[in-house]
Amino acid sequence: VCLTCCSRESMVRINQICHKNGIKFFTGDVFGYHGYMFADLGDHEFVEEKPKVAKGSSGVEDGPEAKRAKLDPAETTMVKKRLEFCSLREALAVEWRGEKAAAALRRTAPDYFLLQ
């Protein structure tokens, strides 16, 4: 489900229905130079392709270069991953006061608070 130009209450209500039923949900809007996008993919499983780490030789090489893992770009391995997305209501309920939120606050663009 994709929403745009909706009230906050409508977005939260529709997202709750989607989240309960395992339906992917996207919402966003633009206000001049500022905009936002939110995605709730629920319980999302995907496969990621990663380069295989080459085994080091048992030669007489020593030092930092020999101890570094070498990536072989020709060989890859598939890694299954899983992410659990939060609902819009949970995302909007983040508490921005306190020590725990200080690091997140530094990484958050000031535009976020303008849109709130």
N, C-alpha and C. Protein backbone atom coordinates (compact mmCIF):
# COMPACT_ATOMS: atom_id res chain seq x y z
N VAL A 1 0.86 -1.17 0.00
CA VAL A 1 0.00 0.00 0.00
C VAL A 1 0.90 1.23 0.00
N CYS A 2 0.63 2.18 -0.87
CA CYS A 2 1.38 3.44 -0.96
C CYS A 2 0.44 4.61 -0.70
N LEU A 3 0.82 5.47 0.24
CA LEU A 3 0.00 6.64 0.57
C LEU A 3 0.79 7.92 0.38
N THR A 4 0.10 8.95 -0.05
CA THR A 4 0.67 10.29 -0.10
C THR A 4 -0.47 11.28 0.10
N CYS A 5 -0.13 12.47 0.54
CA CYS A 5 -1.13 13.53 0.77
C CYS A 5 -2.23 13.11 1.75
N CYS A 6 -1.87 12.38 2.78
CA CYS A 6 -2.84 11.92 3.78
C CYS A 6 -2.54 12.56 5.13
N SER A 7 -3.55 12.59 5.97
CA SER A 7 -3.34 13.09 7.33
C SER A 7 -2.54 12.07 8.13
N ARG A 8 -1.92 12.55 9.18
CA ARG A 8 -1.12 11.67 10.04
C ARG A 8 -1.98 10.55 10.62
N GLU A 9 -3.18 10.89 11.05
CA GLU A 9 -4.08 9.89 11.64
C GLU A 9 -4.44 8.80 10.63
N SER A 10 -4.70 9.19 9.39
CA SER A 10 -5.02 8.21 8.34
C SER A 10 -3.83 7.28 8.07
N MET A 11 -2.63 7.88 8.01
CA MET A 11 -1.44 7.06 7.75
C MET A 11 -1.22 6.04 8.86
N VAL A 12 -1.36 6.47 10.12
CA VAL A 12 -1.16 5.57 11.26
C VAL A 12 -2.21 4.46 11.24
N ARG A 13 -3.47 4.83 10.99
CA ARG A 13 -4.55 3.83 10.99
C ARG A 13 -4.37 2.81 9.87
N ILE A 14 -4.07 3.26 8.67
CA ILE A 14 -3.89 2.35 7.54
C ILE A 14 -2.64 1.48 7.73
N ASN A 15 -1.57 2.08 8.30
CA ASN A 15 -0.37 1.30 8.56
C ASN A 15 -0.62 0.20 9.59
N GLN A 16 -1.43 0.49 10.60
CA GLN A 16 -1.75 -0.54 11.61
C GLN A 16 -2.45 -1.73 10.95
N ILE A 17 -3.37 -1.46 10.05
CA ILE A 17 -4.08 -2.53 9.35
C ILE A 17 -3.11 -3.34 8.50
N CYS A 18 -2.24 -2.63 7.77
CA CYS A 18 -1.25 -3.32 6.93
C CYS A 18 -0.29 -4.14 7.76
N HIS A 19 0.21 -3.56 8.86
CA HIS A 19 1.18 -4.24 9.71
C HIS A 19 0.60 -5.54 10.29
N LYS A 20 -0.65 -5.49 10.75
CA LYS A 20 -1.32 -6.67 11.30
C LYS A 20 -1.47 -7.79 10.28
N ASN A 21 -1.69 -7.40 9.01
CA ASN A 21 -1.97 -8.38 7.96
C ASN A 21 -0.76 -8.71 7.09
N GLY A 22 0.43 -8.25 7.47
CA GLY A 22 1.64 -8.57 6.72
C GLY A 22 1.71 -7.93 5.34
N ILE A 23 1.09 -6.77 5.19
CA ILE A 23 1.08 -6.06 3.91
C ILE A 23 2.14 -4.96 3.95
N LYS A 24 2.95 -4.87 2.91
CA LYS A 24 3.99 -3.84 2.82
C LYS A 24 3.33 -2.47 2.75
N PHE A 25 3.94 -1.47 3.42
CA PHE A 25 3.35 -0.14 3.52
C PHE A 25 4.41 0.93 3.26
N PHE A 26 4.08 1.88 2.40
CA PHE A 26 4.95 3.02 2.11
C PHE A 26 4.12 4.29 2.18
N THR A 27 4.70 5.34 2.75
CA THR A 27 4.04 6.64 2.74
C THR A 27 5.10 7.72 2.58
N GLY A 28 4.70 8.83 2.02
CA GLY A 28 5.63 9.93 1.83
C GLY A 28 4.91 11.16 1.33
N ASP A 29 5.61 12.28 1.37
CA ASP A 29 5.05 13.52 0.87
C ASP A 29 6.19 14.51 0.69
N VAL A 30 5.93 15.58 -0.04
CA VAL A 30 6.91 16.62 -0.30
C VAL A 30 6.27 17.96 0.00
N PHE A 31 7.02 18.82 0.68
CA PHE A 31 6.57 20.17 1.00
C PHE A 31 7.66 21.14 0.55
N GLY A 32 7.60 21.56 -0.69
CA GLY A 32 8.63 22.44 -1.22
C GLY A 32 9.96 21.70 -1.32
N TYR A 33 10.97 22.18 -0.58
CA TYR A 33 12.29 21.54 -0.59
C TYR A 33 12.40 20.39 0.41
N HIS A 34 11.41 20.19 1.24
CA HIS A 34 11.46 19.17 2.28
C HIS A 34 10.47 18.05 1.97
N GLY A 35 10.82 16.86 2.39
CA GLY A 35 9.93 15.73 2.18
C GLY A 35 10.29 14.59 3.10
N TYR A 36 9.47 13.56 3.11
CA TYR A 36 9.74 12.39 3.93
C TYR A 36 9.24 11.14 3.21
N MET A 37 9.75 10.02 3.68
CA MET A 37 9.33 8.72 3.17
C MET A 37 9.43 7.73 4.32
N PHE A 38 8.42 6.90 4.48
CA PHE A 38 8.43 5.87 5.53
C PHE A 38 8.05 4.54 4.89
N ALA A 39 8.78 3.49 5.27
CA ALA A 39 8.49 2.14 4.76
C ALA A 39 8.34 1.18 5.93
N ASP A 40 7.27 0.42 5.93
CA ASP A 40 7.05 -0.65 6.90
C ASP A 40 6.90 -1.94 6.07
N LEU A 41 7.98 -2.71 6.03
CA LEU A 41 7.96 -3.97 5.27
C LEU A 41 7.67 -5.16 6.17
N GLY A 42 7.28 -4.89 7.42
CA GLY A 42 6.94 -5.96 8.35
C GLY A 42 8.12 -6.86 8.62
N ASP A 43 7.90 -8.15 8.57
CA ASP A 43 8.95 -9.14 8.76
C ASP A 43 9.52 -9.44 7.37
N HIS A 44 10.66 -8.85 7.06
CA HIS A 44 11.19 -8.87 5.69
C HIS A 44 12.43 -9.77 5.61
N GLU A 45 12.35 -10.81 4.77
CA GLU A 45 13.49 -11.70 4.55
C GLU A 45 14.03 -11.45 3.15
N PHE A 46 15.37 -11.45 3.04
CA PHE A 46 16.01 -11.23 1.75
C PHE A 46 17.36 -11.94 1.73
N VAL A 47 17.94 -12.04 0.56
CA VAL A 47 19.23 -12.69 0.38
C VAL A 47 20.21 -11.64 -0.11
N GLU A 48 21.41 -11.63 0.50
CA GLU A 48 22.44 -10.68 0.13
C GLU A 48 23.65 -11.43 -0.39
N GLU A 49 24.20 -10.97 -1.49
CA GLU A 49 25.38 -11.60 -2.08
C GLU A 49 26.62 -10.90 -1.52
N LYS A 50 27.54 -11.69 -0.94
CA LYS A 50 28.76 -11.14 -0.35
C LYS A 50 29.98 -11.84 -0.94
N PRO A 51 31.09 -11.11 -1.10
CA PRO A 51 32.32 -11.76 -1.60
C PRO A 51 32.84 -12.74 -0.55
N LYS A 52 33.36 -13.88 -1.04
CA LYS A 52 33.91 -14.90 -0.16
C LYS A 52 35.27 -14.46 0.33
N VAL A 53 35.59 -14.77 1.58
CA VAL A 53 36.90 -14.47 2.14
C VAL A 53 37.84 -15.59 1.75
N ALA A 54 38.95 -15.23 1.11
CA ALA A 54 39.93 -16.22 0.67
C ALA A 54 40.74 -16.70 1.87
N LYS A 55 41.02 -17.98 1.91
CA LYS A 55 41.84 -18.56 2.98
C LYS A 55 43.29 -18.13 2.79
N GLY A 56 43.95 -17.76 3.88
CA GLY A 56 45.36 -17.36 3.82
C GLY A 56 46.25 -18.58 3.60
N SER A 57 47.35 -18.37 2.92
CA SER A 57 48.29 -19.48 2.68
C SER A 57 49.11 -19.72 3.94
N SER A 58 49.64 -20.92 4.08
CA SER A 58 50.41 -21.26 5.27
C SER A 58 51.90 -21.01 5.02
N GLY A 59 52.20 -20.02 4.20
CA GLY A 59 53.59 -19.67 3.89
C GLY A 59 54.24 -18.94 5.04
N VAL A 60 55.41 -18.39 4.80
CA VAL A 60 56.16 -17.72 5.84
C VAL A 60 55.83 -16.23 5.96
N GLU A 61 54.78 -15.78 5.25
CA GLU A 61 54.39 -14.38 5.33
C GLU A 61 54.03 -14.04 6.75
N ASP A 62 54.44 -12.87 7.18
CA ASP A 62 54.14 -12.44 8.53
C ASP A 62 53.88 -10.94 8.50
N GLY A 63 53.24 -10.42 9.51
CA GLY A 63 52.98 -8.99 9.58
C GLY A 63 51.51 -8.68 9.35
N PRO A 64 51.18 -7.40 9.40
CA PRO A 64 49.77 -7.00 9.29
C PRO A 64 49.12 -7.36 7.96
N GLU A 65 49.86 -7.27 6.86
CA GLU A 65 49.30 -7.60 5.55
C GLU A 65 48.89 -9.06 5.46
N ALA A 66 49.68 -9.95 6.02
CA ALA A 66 49.40 -11.38 5.95
C ALA A 66 48.21 -11.76 6.82
N LYS A 67 47.96 -11.00 7.87
CA LYS A 67 46.87 -11.34 8.79
C LYS A 67 45.52 -10.81 8.34
N ARG A 68 45.50 -9.88 7.41
CA ARG A 68 44.23 -9.34 6.90
C ARG A 68 43.51 -10.38 6.06
N ALA A 69 42.18 -10.43 6.22
CA ALA A 69 41.38 -11.34 5.39
C ALA A 69 41.36 -10.80 3.97
N LYS A 70 41.57 -11.68 3.02
CA LYS A 70 41.57 -11.28 1.61
C LYS A 70 40.23 -11.64 0.99
N LEU A 71 39.63 -10.66 0.30
CA LEU A 71 38.35 -10.89 -0.36
C LEU A 71 38.59 -11.31 -1.80
N ASP A 72 37.90 -12.36 -2.20
CA ASP A 72 38.01 -12.84 -3.57
C ASP A 72 36.76 -12.37 -4.32
N PRO A 73 36.88 -11.33 -5.17
CA PRO A 73 35.68 -10.81 -5.84
C PRO A 73 35.06 -11.79 -6.84
N ALA A 74 35.83 -12.78 -7.26
CA ALA A 74 35.30 -13.74 -8.23
C ALA A 74 34.31 -14.71 -7.58
N GLU A 75 34.53 -15.03 -6.32
CA GLU A 75 33.65 -15.98 -5.62
C GLU A 75 32.75 -15.23 -4.65
N THR A 76 31.48 -15.58 -4.67
CA THR A 76 30.54 -14.95 -3.74
C THR A 76 29.76 -16.02 -3.00
N THR A 77 29.17 -15.62 -1.92
CA THR A 77 28.30 -16.50 -1.15
C THR A 77 26.99 -15.76 -0.88
N MET A 78 25.91 -16.50 -0.79
CA MET A 78 24.60 -15.90 -0.54
C MET A 78 24.30 -16.00 0.96
N VAL A 79 23.93 -14.88 1.55
CA VAL A 79 23.63 -14.83 2.98
C VAL A 79 22.17 -14.43 3.15
N LYS A 80 21.40 -15.26 3.85
CA LYS A 80 20.00 -14.96 4.10
C LYS A 80 19.91 -14.04 5.31
N LYS A 81 19.14 -12.96 5.17
CA LYS A 81 19.00 -11.99 6.25
C LYS A 81 17.52 -11.74 6.52
N ARG A 82 17.25 -11.21 7.70
CA ARG A 82 15.88 -10.93 8.10
C ARG A 82 15.85 -9.61 8.87
N LEU A 83 14.94 -8.74 8.52
CA LEU A 83 14.74 -7.47 9.22
C LEU A 83 13.29 -7.39 9.67
N GLU A 84 13.09 -6.82 10.84
CA GLU A 84 11.73 -6.61 11.32
C GLU A 84 11.50 -5.11 11.42
N PHE A 85 10.61 -4.59 10.59
CA PHE A 85 10.32 -3.17 10.55
C PHE A 85 9.29 -2.80 11.61
N CYS A 86 9.40 -1.58 12.13
CA CYS A 86 8.42 -1.12 13.12
C CYS A 86 7.27 -0.43 12.40
N SER A 87 6.18 -0.25 13.12
CA SER A 87 5.01 0.44 12.54
C SER A 87 5.24 1.95 12.59
N LEU A 88 4.44 2.68 11.86
CA LEU A 88 4.53 4.14 11.83
C LEU A 88 4.28 4.71 13.22
N ARG A 89 3.32 4.16 13.92
CA ARG A 89 3.01 4.63 15.28
C ARG A 89 4.23 4.50 16.19
N GLU A 90 4.93 3.36 16.11
CA GLU A 90 6.14 3.17 16.93
C GLU A 90 7.24 4.15 16.53
N ALA A 91 7.38 4.39 15.24
CA ALA A 91 8.42 5.31 14.76
C ALA A 91 8.15 6.74 15.22
N LEU A 92 6.89 7.14 15.24
CA LEU A 92 6.54 8.49 15.66
C LEU A 92 6.60 8.67 17.18
N ALA A 93 6.59 7.57 17.93
CA ALA A 93 6.58 7.63 19.39
C ALA A 93 7.98 7.64 20.00
N VAL A 94 9.02 7.84 19.20
CA VAL A 94 10.39 7.85 19.71
C VAL A 94 10.55 9.00 20.70
N GLU A 95 11.16 8.71 21.82
CA GLU A 95 11.41 9.72 22.85
C GLU A 95 12.76 10.37 22.56
N TRP A 96 12.78 11.69 22.36
CA TRP A 96 13.99 12.40 21.96
C TRP A 96 14.71 13.02 23.13
N ARG A 97 14.26 12.79 24.35
CA ARG A 97 14.93 13.33 25.55
C ARG A 97 15.72 12.22 26.22
N GLY A 98 16.76 12.60 26.91
CA GLY A 98 17.53 11.63 27.68
C GLY A 98 18.85 11.27 27.01
N GLU A 99 19.70 10.59 27.77
CA GLU A 99 21.03 10.21 27.29
C GLU A 99 20.98 9.20 26.16
N LYS A 100 20.03 8.29 26.24
CA LYS A 100 19.94 7.23 25.24
C LYS A 100 19.66 7.79 23.84
N ALA A 101 18.90 8.86 23.77
CA ALA A 101 18.54 9.45 22.48
C ALA A 101 19.57 10.44 21.96
N ALA A 102 20.56 10.79 22.76
CA ALA A 102 21.53 11.82 22.37
C ALA A 102 22.28 11.45 21.10
N ALA A 103 22.73 10.20 20.99
CA ALA A 103 23.46 9.77 19.78
C ALA A 103 22.56 9.79 18.56
N ALA A 104 21.32 9.33 18.70
CA ALA A 104 20.38 9.32 17.59
C ALA A 104 20.03 10.75 17.18
N LEU A 105 19.95 11.63 18.15
CA LEU A 105 19.62 13.02 17.88
C LEU A 105 20.70 13.69 17.03
N ARG A 106 21.97 13.35 17.29
CA ARG A 106 23.07 13.92 16.51
C ARG A 106 23.04 13.43 15.07
N ARG A 107 22.54 12.20 14.83
CA ARG A 107 22.50 11.63 13.48
C ARG A 107 21.24 12.02 12.71
N THR A 108 20.30 12.67 13.35
CA THR A 108 19.02 13.01 12.74
C THR A 108 19.07 14.42 12.15
N ALA A 109 18.68 14.53 10.89
CA ALA A 109 18.67 15.83 10.23
C ALA A 109 17.63 16.75 10.87
N PRO A 110 17.92 18.03 10.99
CA PRO A 110 16.96 18.97 11.58
C PRO A 110 15.63 19.02 10.80
N ASP A 111 15.68 18.68 9.51
CA ASP A 111 14.47 18.66 8.68
C ASP A 111 13.41 17.73 9.26
N TYR A 112 13.84 16.65 9.92
CA TYR A 112 12.91 15.69 10.52
C TYR A 112 11.96 16.40 11.46
N PHE A 113 12.50 17.30 12.27
CA PHE A 113 11.70 17.98 13.27
C PHE A 113 10.82 19.06 12.64
N LEU A 114 11.25 19.62 11.52
CA LEU A 114 10.40 20.55 10.78
C LEU A 114 9.15 19.84 10.26
N LEU A 115 9.34 18.61 9.77
CA LEU A 115 8.21 17.86 9.24
C LEU A 115 7.25 17.40 10.35
N GLN A 116 7.77 17.22 11.55
CA GLN A 116 6.92 16.84 12.66
C GLN A 116 5.97 17.98 13.01
